[in-house]
Amino acid sequence: MSDNIVEFPGREPPPEGYSEEYVDKLHSEAFRDLEVYLHDCVRMSSFAIQFMTNTKCEDDDGRLSFAVLHLDEMLRDLWKRYNERWHGERRGTS
């Protein structure tokens, strides 16, 4: 008898392994689930930009501003690439 109280089917992969279709389905569901969080990050980065432009920072030698601005650019680019792939407009890893 197992030490588990409840045995969940599918916990261990079948002996032949998972099919490519099954793995693709899991990946697509995972990325769809992340879309809302990705969009929230992009929106928050735009708020950070607004706050940075409205704040005077005596200790900033430009690195903080650069980091916030560059992060915003990176997140917006990620969002753009995500949407391009979603609409089949772009393929590949770059």
PDB file of N, CA and C in Angstrom:
ATOM      1  N   MET A   1       0.835  -1.174   0.000  1.00  0.00           N
ATOM      2  CA  MET A   1       0.000   0.000   0.000  1.00  0.00           C
ATOM      3  C   MET A   1       0.888   1.250   0.000  1.00  0.00           C
ATOM      4  N   SER A   2       0.432   2.264  -0.658  1.00  0.00           N
ATOM      5  CA  SER A   2       1.174   3.509  -0.777  1.00  0.00           C
ATOM      6  C   SER A   2       1.020   4.346   0.487  1.00  0.00           C
ATOM      7  N   ASP A   3       1.990   5.235   0.728  1.00  0.00           N
ATOM      8  CA  ASP A   3       1.910   6.165   1.855  1.00  0.00           C
ATOM      9  C   ASP A   3       0.950   7.314   1.562  1.00  0.00           C
ATOM     10  N   ASN A   4       0.570   7.478   0.295  1.00  0.00           N
ATOM     11  CA  ASN A   4      -0.334   8.554  -0.080  1.00  0.00           C
ATOM     12  C   ASN A   4      -1.747   8.236   0.366  1.00  0.00           C
ATOM     13  N   ILE A   5      -2.439   9.246   0.865  1.00  0.00           N
ATOM     14  CA  ILE A   5      -3.828   9.069   1.274  1.00  0.00           C
ATOM     15  C   ILE A   5      -4.710   8.901   0.049  1.00  0.00           C
ATOM     16  N   VAL A   6      -4.456   9.723  -0.958  1.00  0.00           N
ATOM     17  CA  VAL A   6      -5.227   9.676  -2.194  1.00  0.00           C
ATOM     18  C   VAL A   6      -4.247   9.554  -3.354  1.00  0.00           C
ATOM     19  N   GLU A   7      -4.498   8.625  -4.244  1.00  0.00           N
ATOM     20  CA  GLU A   7      -3.674   8.475  -5.438  1.00  0.00           C
ATOM     21  C   GLU A   7      -4.296   9.285  -6.569  1.00  0.00           C
ATOM     22  N   PHE A   8      -3.540  10.200  -7.129  1.00  0.00           N
ATOM     23  CA  PHE A   8      -4.021  11.012  -8.231  1.00  0.00           C
ATOM     24  C   PHE A   8      -3.541  10.416  -9.547  1.00  0.00           C
ATOM     25  N   PRO A   9      -4.460  10.134 -10.459  1.00  0.00           N
ATOM     26  CA  PRO A   9      -4.033   9.589 -11.754  1.00  0.00           C
ATOM     27  C   PRO A   9      -3.239  10.632 -12.524  1.00  0.00           C
ATOM     28  N   GLY A  10      -2.264  10.169 -13.258  1.00  0.00           N
ATOM     29  CA  GLY A  10      -1.474  11.079 -14.088  1.00  0.00           C
ATOM     30  C   GLY A  10      -0.309  11.700 -13.362  1.00  0.00           C
ATOM     31  N   ARG A  11      -0.101  11.359 -12.112  1.00  0.00           N
ATOM     32  CA  ARG A  11       1.003  11.943 -11.362  1.00  0.00           C
ATOM     33  C   ARG A  11       2.340  11.524 -11.956  1.00  0.00           C
ATOM     34  N   GLU A  12       2.449  10.280 -12.294  1.00  0.00           N
ATOM     35  CA  GLU A  12       3.652   9.758 -12.942  1.00  0.00           C
ATOM     36  C   GLU A  12       3.369   9.630 -14.438  1.00  0.00           C
ATOM     37  N   PRO A  13       4.357   9.956 -15.276  1.00  0.00           N
ATOM     38  CA  PRO A  13       4.125   9.824 -16.713  1.00  0.00           C
ATOM     39  C   PRO A  13       3.918   8.359 -17.091  1.00  0.00           C
ATOM     40  N   PRO A  14       3.153   8.132 -18.134  1.00  0.00           N
ATOM     41  CA  PRO A  14       2.991   6.755 -18.607  1.00  0.00           C
ATOM     42  C   PRO A  14       4.342   6.207 -19.069  1.00  0.00           C
ATOM     43  N   PRO A  15       4.501   4.900 -19.103  1.00  0.00           N
ATOM     44  CA  PRO A  15       5.792   4.311 -19.486  1.00  0.00           C
ATOM     45  C   PRO A  15       6.306   4.799 -20.849  1.00  0.00           C
ATOM     46  N   GLU A  16       5.407   5.060 -21.771  1.00  0.00           N
ATOM     47  CA  GLU A  16       5.838   5.513 -23.101  1.00  0.00           C
ATOM     48  C   GLU A  16       6.113   7.011 -23.137  1.00  0.00           C
ATOM     49  N   GLY A  17       5.834   7.718 -22.039  1.00  0.00           N
ATOM     50  CA  GLY A  17       6.054   9.163 -21.980  1.00  0.00           C
ATOM     51  C   GLY A  17       4.832   9.928 -22.462  1.00  0.00           C
ATOM     52  N   TYR A  18       4.898  11.223 -22.339  1.00  0.00           N
ATOM     53  CA  TYR A  18       3.795  12.066 -22.787  1.00  0.00           C
ATOM     54  C   TYR A  18       3.954  12.386 -24.261  1.00  0.00           C
ATOM     55  N   SER A  19       2.825  12.503 -24.953  1.00  0.00           N
ATOM     56  CA  SER A  19       2.865  12.842 -26.375  1.00  0.00           C
ATOM     57  C   SER A  19       3.239  14.310 -26.553  1.00  0.00           C
ATOM     58  N   GLU A  20       3.718  14.632 -27.738  1.00  0.00           N
ATOM     59  CA  GLU A  20       4.069  16.018 -28.053  1.00  0.00           C
ATOM     60  C   GLU A  20       2.829  16.905 -27.977  1.00  0.00           C
ATOM     61  N   GLU A  21       1.688  16.387 -28.404  1.00  0.00           N
ATOM     62  CA  GLU A  21       0.445  17.152 -28.340  1.00  0.00           C
ATOM     63  C   GLU A  21       0.068  17.474 -26.897  1.00  0.00           C
ATOM     64  N   TYR A  22       0.260  16.498 -26.013  1.00  0.00           N
ATOM     65  CA  TYR A  22      -0.062  16.707 -24.596  1.00  0.00           C
ATOM     66  C   TYR A  22       0.835  17.789 -23.996  1.00  0.00           C
ATOM     67  N   VAL A  23       2.132  17.711 -24.273  1.00  0.00           N
ATOM     68  CA  VAL A  23       3.074  18.701 -23.757  1.00  0.00           C
ATOM     69  C   VAL A  23       2.759  20.077 -24.337  1.00  0.00           C
ATOM     70  N   ASP A  24       2.459  20.148 -25.642  1.00  0.00           N
ATOM     71  CA  ASP A  24       2.090  21.424 -26.265  1.00  0.00           C
ATOM     72  C   ASP A  24       0.845  22.016 -25.609  1.00  0.00           C
ATOM     73  N   LYS A  25      -0.116  21.166 -25.298  1.00  0.00           N
ATOM     74  CA  LYS A  25      -1.342  21.636 -24.639  1.00  0.00           C
ATOM     75  C   LYS A  25      -1.023  22.217 -23.262  1.00  0.00           C
ATOM     76  N   LEU A  26      -0.166  21.551 -22.501  1.00  0.00           N
ATOM     77  CA  LEU A  26       0.221  22.069 -21.187  1.00  0.00           C
ATOM     78  C   LEU A  26       0.932  23.411 -21.307  1.00  0.00           C
ATOM     79  N   HIS A  27       1.850  23.527 -22.281  1.00  0.00           N
ATOM     80  CA  HIS A  27       2.565  24.781 -22.480  1.00  0.00           C
ATOM     81  C   HIS A  27       1.613  25.900 -22.864  1.00  0.00           C
ATOM     82  N   SER A  28       0.703  25.621 -23.775  1.00  0.00           N
ATOM     83  CA  SER A  28      -0.219  26.673 -24.224  1.00  0.00           C
ATOM     84  C   SER A  28      -1.114  27.131 -23.079  1.00  0.00           C
ATOM     85  N   GLU A  29      -1.570  26.196 -22.261  1.00  0.00           N
ATOM     86  CA  GLU A  29      -2.399  26.579 -21.112  1.00  0.00           C
ATOM     87  C   GLU A  29      -1.598  27.415 -20.119  1.00  0.00           C
ATOM     88  N   ALA A  30      -0.340  27.040 -19.896  1.00  0.00           N
ATOM     89  CA  ALA A  30       0.498  27.784 -18.961  1.00  0.00           C
ATOM     90  C   ALA A  30       0.715  29.215 -19.442  1.00  0.00           C
ATOM     91  N   PHE A  31       1.001  29.381 -20.728  1.00  0.00           N
ATOM     92  CA  PHE A  31       1.235  30.726 -21.241  1.00  0.00           C
ATOM     93  C   PHE A  31      -0.049  31.551 -21.270  1.00  0.00           C
ATOM     94  N   ARG A  32      -1.172  30.914 -21.567  1.00  0.00           N
ATOM     95  CA  ARG A  32      -2.446  31.647 -21.505  1.00  0.00           C
ATOM     96  C   ARG A  32      -2.727  32.117 -20.090  1.00  0.00           C
ATOM     97  N   ASP A  33      -2.427  31.261 -19.115  1.00  0.00           N
ATOM     98  CA  ASP A  33      -2.648  31.638 -17.725  1.00  0.00           C
ATOM     99  C   ASP A  33      -1.750  32.794 -17.297  1.00  0.00           C
ATOM    100  N   LEU A  34      -0.578  32.913 -17.904  1.00  0.00           N
ATOM    101  CA  LEU A  34       0.355  33.989 -17.547  1.00  0.00           C
ATOM    102  C   LEU A  34       0.026  35.323 -18.204  1.00  0.00           C
ATOM    103  N   GLU A  35      -0.836  35.320 -19.204  1.00  0.00           N
ATOM    104  CA  GLU A  35      -1.108  36.546 -19.962  1.00  0.00           C
ATOM    105  C   GLU A  35      -1.569  37.687 -19.064  1.00  0.00           C
ATOM    106  N   VAL A  36      -2.467  37.413 -18.153  1.00  0.00           N
ATOM    107  CA  VAL A  36      -2.989  38.468 -17.269  1.00  0.00           C
ATOM    108  C   VAL A  36      -1.868  39.054 -16.419  1.00  0.00           C
ATOM    109  N   TYR A  37      -1.001  38.189 -15.898  1.00  0.00           N
ATOM    110  CA  TYR A  37       0.091  38.657 -15.050  1.00  0.00           C
ATOM    111  C   TYR A  37       1.124  39.443 -15.844  1.00  0.00           C
ATOM    112  N   LEU A  38       1.381  39.013 -17.067  1.00  0.00           N
ATOM    113  CA  LEU A  38       2.289  39.743 -17.937  1.00  0.00           C
ATOM    114  C   LEU A  38       1.732  41.133 -18.223  1.00  0.00           C
ATOM    115  N   HIS A  39       0.465  41.200 -18.549  1.00  0.00           N
ATOM    116  CA  HIS A  39      -0.155  42.492 -18.820  1.00  0.00           C
ATOM    117  C   HIS A  39      -0.112  43.387 -17.583  1.00  0.00           C
ATOM    118  N   ASP A  40      -0.349  42.824 -16.405  1.00  0.00           N
ATOM    119  CA  ASP A  40      -0.268  43.604 -15.168  1.00  0.00           C
ATOM    120  C   ASP A  40       1.137  44.172 -14.961  1.00  0.00           C
ATOM    121  N   CYS A  41       2.167  43.395 -15.258  1.00  0.00           N
ATOM    122  CA  CYS A  41       3.547  43.872 -15.127  1.00  0.00           C
ATOM    123  C   CYS A  41       3.815  45.040 -16.076  1.00  0.00           C
ATOM    124  N   VAL A  42       3.322  44.924 -17.290  1.00  0.00           N
ATOM    125  CA  VAL A  42       3.505  46.000 -18.267  1.00  0.00           C
ATOM    126  C   VAL A  42       2.810  47.264 -17.789  1.00  0.00           C
ATOM    127  N   ARG A  43       1.593  47.134 -17.292  1.00  0.00           N
ATOM    128  CA  ARG A  43       0.863  48.306 -16.793  1.00  0.00           C
ATOM    129  C   ARG A  43       1.581  48.930 -15.597  1.00  0.00           C
ATOM    130  N   MET A  44       2.077  48.098 -14.687  1.00  0.00           N
ATOM    131  CA  MET A  44       2.772  48.620 -13.521  1.00  0.00           C
ATOM    132  C   MET A  44       4.055  49.335 -13.920  1.00  0.00           C
ATOM    133  N   SER A  45       4.723  48.841 -14.960  1.00  0.00           N
ATOM    134  CA  SER A  45       5.946  49.520 -15.404  1.00  0.00           C
ATOM    135  C   SER A  45       5.622  50.912 -15.941  1.00  0.00           C
ATOM    136  N   SER A  46       4.470  51.066 -16.566  1.00  0.00           N
ATOM    137  CA  SER A  46       4.102  52.409 -17.043  1.00  0.00           C
ATOM    138  C   SER A  46       3.797  53.338 -15.871  1.00  0.00           C
ATOM    139  N   PHE A  47       3.227  52.810 -14.789  1.00  0.00           N
ATOM    140  CA  PHE A  47       3.032  53.623 -13.578  1.00  0.00           C
ATOM    141  C   PHE A  47       4.379  54.024 -12.987  1.00  0.00           C
ATOM    142  N   ALA A  48       5.325  53.092 -12.958  1.00  0.00           N
ATOM    143  CA  ALA A  48       6.654  53.386 -12.418  1.00  0.00           C
ATOM    144  C   ALA A  48       7.320  54.502 -13.208  1.00  0.00           C
ATOM    145  N   ILE A  49       7.152  54.481 -14.536  1.00  0.00           N
ATOM    146  CA  ILE A  49       7.706  55.542 -15.375  1.00  0.00           C
ATOM    147  C   ILE A  49       7.086  56.884 -15.004  1.00  0.00           C
ATOM    148  N   GLN A  50       5.777  56.919 -14.838  1.00  0.00           N
ATOM    149  CA  GLN A  50       5.101  58.160 -14.454  1.00  0.00           C
ATOM    150  C   GLN A  50       5.606  58.665 -13.114  1.00  0.00           C
ATOM    151  N   PHE A  51       5.748  57.776 -12.148  1.00  0.00           N
ATOM    152  CA  PHE A  51       6.236  58.177 -10.831  1.00  0.00           C
ATOM    153  C   PHE A  51       7.682  58.672 -10.903  1.00  0.00           C
ATOM    154  N   MET A  52       8.501  58.008 -11.723  1.00  0.00           N
ATOM    155  CA  MET A  52       9.900  58.422 -11.867  1.00  0.00           C
ATOM    156  C   MET A  52      10.001  59.816 -12.468  1.00  0.00           C
ATOM    157  N   THR A  53       9.166  60.113 -13.447  1.00  0.00           N
ATOM    158  CA  THR A  53       9.260  61.424 -14.099  1.00  0.00           C
ATOM    159  C   THR A  53       8.717  62.535 -13.209  1.00  0.00           C
ATOM    160  N   ASN A  54       7.893  62.187 -12.224  1.00  0.00           N
ATOM    161  CA  ASN A  54       7.319  63.190 -11.324  1.00  0.00           C
ATOM    162  C   ASN A  54       8.052  63.271  -9.979  1.00  0.00           C
ATOM    163  N   THR A  55       9.178  62.578  -9.859  1.00  0.00           N
ATOM    164  CA  THR A  55       9.897  62.528  -8.591  1.00  0.00           C
ATOM    165  C   THR A  55      11.310  63.033  -8.773  1.00  0.00           C
ATOM    166  N   LYS A  56      11.750  63.839  -7.824  1.00  0.00           N
ATOM    167  CA  LYS A  56      13.136  64.291  -7.822  1.00  0.00           C
ATOM    168  C   LYS A  56      13.899  63.392  -6.858  1.00  0.00           C
ATOM    169  N   CYS A  57      14.933  62.762  -7.357  1.00  0.00           N
ATOM    170  CA  CYS A  57      15.708  61.823  -6.551  1.00  0.00           C
ATOM    171  C   CYS A  57      17.125  62.361  -6.426  1.00  0.00           C
ATOM    172  N   GLU A  58      17.475  62.863  -5.244  1.00  0.00           N
ATOM    173  CA  GLU A  58      18.797  63.462  -5.011  1.00  0.00           C
ATOM    174  C   GLU A  58      19.933  62.443  -5.115  1.00  0.00           C
ATOM    175  N   ASP A  59      19.685  61.212  -4.717  1.00  0.00           N
ATOM    176  CA  ASP A  59      20.742  60.207  -4.672  1.00  0.00           C
ATOM    177  C   ASP A  59      20.915  59.458  -5.987  1.00  0.00           C
ATOM    178  N   ASP A  60      20.073  59.726  -6.948  1.00  0.00           N
ATOM    179  CA  ASP A  60      20.115  58.978  -8.208  1.00  0.00           C
ATOM    180  C   ASP A  60      21.194  59.541  -9.122  1.00  0.00           C
ATOM    181  N   ASP A  61      22.120  58.685  -9.529  1.00  0.00           N
ATOM    182  CA  ASP A  61      23.155  59.100 -10.481  1.00  0.00           C
ATOM    183  C   ASP A  61      22.784  58.680 -11.899  1.00  0.00           C
ATOM    184  N   GLY A  62      21.524  58.372 -12.101  1.00  0.00           N
ATOM    185  CA  GLY A  62      21.044  57.979 -13.416  1.00  0.00           C
ATOM    186  C   GLY A  62      20.801  56.491 -13.542  1.00  0.00           C
ATOM    187  N   ARG A  63      21.377  55.698 -12.648  1.00  0.00           N
ATOM    188  CA  ARG A  63      21.216  54.247 -12.744  1.00  0.00           C
ATOM    189  C   ARG A  63      19.790  53.810 -12.437  1.00  0.00           C
ATOM    190  N   LEU A  64      19.182  54.424 -11.440  1.00  0.00           N
ATOM    191  CA  LEU A  64      17.805  54.059 -11.096  1.00  0.00           C
ATOM    192  C   LEU A  64      16.860  54.415 -12.243  1.00  0.00           C
ATOM    193  N   SER A  65      17.006  55.615 -12.769  1.00  0.00           N
ATOM    194  CA  SER A  65      16.163  56.030 -13.899  1.00  0.00           C
ATOM    195  C   SER A  65      16.366  55.105 -15.090  1.00  0.00           C
ATOM    196  N   PHE A  66      17.627  54.797 -15.379  1.00  0.00           N
ATOM    197  CA  PHE A  66      17.911  53.892 -16.494  1.00  0.00           C
ATOM    198  C   PHE A  66      17.251  52.542 -16.267  1.00  0.00           C
ATOM    199  N   ALA A  67      17.387  52.009 -15.059  1.00  0.00           N
ATOM    200  CA  ALA A  67      16.834  50.681 -14.772  1.00  0.00           C
ATOM    201  C   ALA A  67      15.323  50.664 -14.943  1.00  0.00           C
ATOM    202  N   VAL A  68      14.642  51.670 -14.429  1.00  0.00           N
ATOM    203  CA  VAL A  68      13.181  51.713 -14.529  1.00  0.00           C
ATOM    204  C   VAL A  68      12.749  51.903 -15.983  1.00  0.00           C
ATOM    205  N   LEU A  69      13.399  52.815 -16.684  1.00  0.00           N
ATOM    206  CA  LEU A  69      13.056  53.057 -18.089  1.00  0.00           C
ATOM    207  C   LEU A  69      13.336  51.826 -18.948  1.00  0.00           C
ATOM    208  N   HIS A  70      14.476  51.193 -18.714  1.00  0.00           N
ATOM    209  CA  HIS A  70      14.825  50.025 -19.521  1.00  0.00           C
ATOM    210  C   HIS A  70      13.909  48.847 -19.208  1.00  0.00           C
ATOM    211  N   LEU A  71      13.553  48.679 -17.947  1.00  0.00           N
ATOM    212  CA  LEU A  71      12.619  47.618 -17.591  1.00  0.00           C
ATOM    213  C   LEU A  71      11.275  47.833 -18.280  1.00  0.00           C
ATOM    214  N   ASP A  72      10.812  49.065 -18.311  1.00  0.00           N
ATOM    215  CA  ASP A  72       9.562  49.373 -19.009  1.00  0.00           C
ATOM    216  C   ASP A  72       9.669  49.015 -20.496  1.00  0.00           C
ATOM    217  N   GLU A  73      10.784  49.377 -21.117  1.00  0.00           N
ATOM    218  CA  GLU A  73      10.987  49.041 -22.528  1.00  0.00           C
ATOM    219  C   GLU A  73      10.981  47.530 -22.741  1.00  0.00           C
ATOM    220  N   MET A  74      11.670  46.814 -21.870  1.00  0.00           N
ATOM    221  CA  MET A  74      11.755  45.361 -21.997  1.00  0.00           C
ATOM    222  C   MET A  74      10.380  44.709 -21.834  1.00  0.00           C
ATOM    223  N   LEU A  75       9.609  45.156 -20.860  1.00  0.00           N
ATOM    224  CA  LEU A  75       8.278  44.581 -20.642  1.00  0.00           C
ATOM    225  C   LEU A  75       7.336  44.888 -21.799  1.00  0.00           C
ATOM    226  N   ARG A  76       7.408  46.119 -22.323  1.00  0.00           N
ATOM    227  CA  ARG A  76       6.571  46.468 -23.473  1.00  0.00           C
ATOM    228  C   ARG A  76       6.946  45.634 -24.698  1.00  0.00           C
ATOM    229  N   ASP A  77       8.243  45.394 -24.885  1.00  0.00           N
ATOM    230  CA  ASP A  77       8.689  44.564 -25.998  1.00  0.00           C
ATOM    231  C   ASP A  77       8.221  43.118 -25.811  1.00  0.00           C
ATOM    232  N   LEU A  78       8.304  42.613 -24.589  1.00  0.00           N
ATOM    233  CA  LEU A  78       7.826  41.260 -24.300  1.00  0.00           C
ATOM    234  C   LEU A  78       6.337  41.143 -24.595  1.00  0.00           C
ATOM    235  N   TRP A  79       5.558  42.132 -24.170  1.00  0.00           N
ATOM    236  CA  TRP A  79       4.118  42.141 -24.425  1.00  0.00           C
ATOM    237  C   TRP A  79       3.837  42.167 -25.927  1.00  0.00           C
ATOM    238  N   LYS A  80       4.591  42.980 -26.667  1.00  0.00           N
ATOM    239  CA  LYS A  80       4.428  43.069 -28.127  1.00  0.00           C
ATOM    240  C   LYS A  80       4.725  41.713 -28.772  1.00  0.00           C
ATOM    241  N   ARG A  81       5.833  41.095 -28.384  1.00  0.00           N
ATOM    242  CA  ARG A  81       6.206  39.800 -28.961  1.00  0.00           C
ATOM    243  C   ARG A  81       5.184  38.727 -28.610  1.00  0.00           C
ATOM    244  N   TYR A  82       4.691  38.760 -27.393  1.00  0.00           N
ATOM    245  CA  TYR A  82       3.668  37.796 -26.976  1.00  0.00           C
ATOM    246  C   TYR A  82       2.439  37.916 -27.882  1.00  0.00           C
ATOM    247  N   ASN A  83       1.980  39.138 -28.088  1.00  0.00           N
ATOM    248  CA  ASN A  83       0.803  39.362 -28.927  1.00  0.00           C
ATOM    249  C   ASN A  83       1.060  39.014 -30.386  1.00  0.00           C
ATOM    250  N   GLU A  84       2.263  39.303 -30.885  1.00  0.00           N
ATOM    251  CA  GLU A  84       2.587  38.932 -32.261  1.00  0.00           C
ATOM    252  C   GLU A  84       2.502  37.421 -32.443  1.00  0.00           C
ATOM    253  N   ARG A  85       3.041  36.701 -31.493  1.00  0.00           N
ATOM    254  CA  ARG A  85       2.999  35.241 -31.593  1.00  0.00           C
ATOM    255  C   ARG A  85       1.581  34.724 -31.436  1.00  0.00           C
ATOM    256  N   TRP A  86       0.822  35.342 -30.569  1.00  0.00           N
ATOM    257  CA  TRP A  86      -0.570  34.928 -30.360  1.00  0.00           C
ATOM    258  C   TRP A  86      -1.359  35.059 -31.657  1.00  0.00           C
ATOM    259  N   HIS A  87      -1.074  36.111 -32.418  1.00  0.00           N
ATOM    260  CA  HIS A  87      -1.796  36.348 -33.668  1.00  0.00           C
ATOM    261  C   HIS A  87      -1.085  35.722 -34.867  1.00  0.00           C
ATOM    262  N   GLY A  88      -0.039  34.932 -34.617  1.00  0.00           N
ATOM    263  CA  GLY A  88       0.651  34.228 -35.687  1.00  0.00           C
ATOM    264  C   GLY A  88       1.455  35.111 -36.597  1.00  0.00           C
ATOM    265  N   GLU A  89       1.814  36.295 -36.134  1.00  0.00           N
ATOM    266  CA  GLU A  89       2.529  37.240 -36.969  1.00  0.00           C
ATOM    267  C   GLU A  89       4.030  37.046 -36.918  1.00  0.00           C
ATOM    268  N   ARG A  90       4.506  36.294 -35.937  1.00  0.00           N
ATOM    269  CA  ARG A  90       5.947  36.173 -35.780  1.00  0.00           C
ATOM    270  C   ARG A  90       6.272  34.783 -35.262  1.00  0.00           C
ATOM    271  N   ARG A  91       7.297  34.199 -35.777  1.00  0.00           N
ATOM    272  CA  ARG A  91       7.736  32.883 -35.340  1.00  0.00           C
ATOM    273  C   ARG A  91       9.208  32.946 -34.968  1.00  0.00           C
ATOM    274  N   GLY A  92       9.646  32.030 -34.172  1.00  0.00           N
ATOM    275  CA  GLY A  92      11.062  31.953 -33.826  1.00  0.00           C
ATOM    276  C   GLY A  92      11.324  32.433 -32.415  1.00  0.00           C
ATOM    277  N   THR A  93      12.595  32.502 -32.069  1.00  0.00           N
ATOM    278  CA  THR A  93      12.966  32.836 -30.699  1.00  0.00           C
ATOM    279  C   THR A  93      13.515  34.228 -30.552  1.00  0.00           C
ATOM    280  N   SER A  94      13.801  34.935 -31.624  1.00  0.00           N
ATOM    281  CA  SER A  94      14.378  36.279 -31.474  1.00  0.00           C
ATOM    282  C   SER A  94      13.321  37.349 -31.599  1.00  0.00           C
TER     283      SER A  94
END
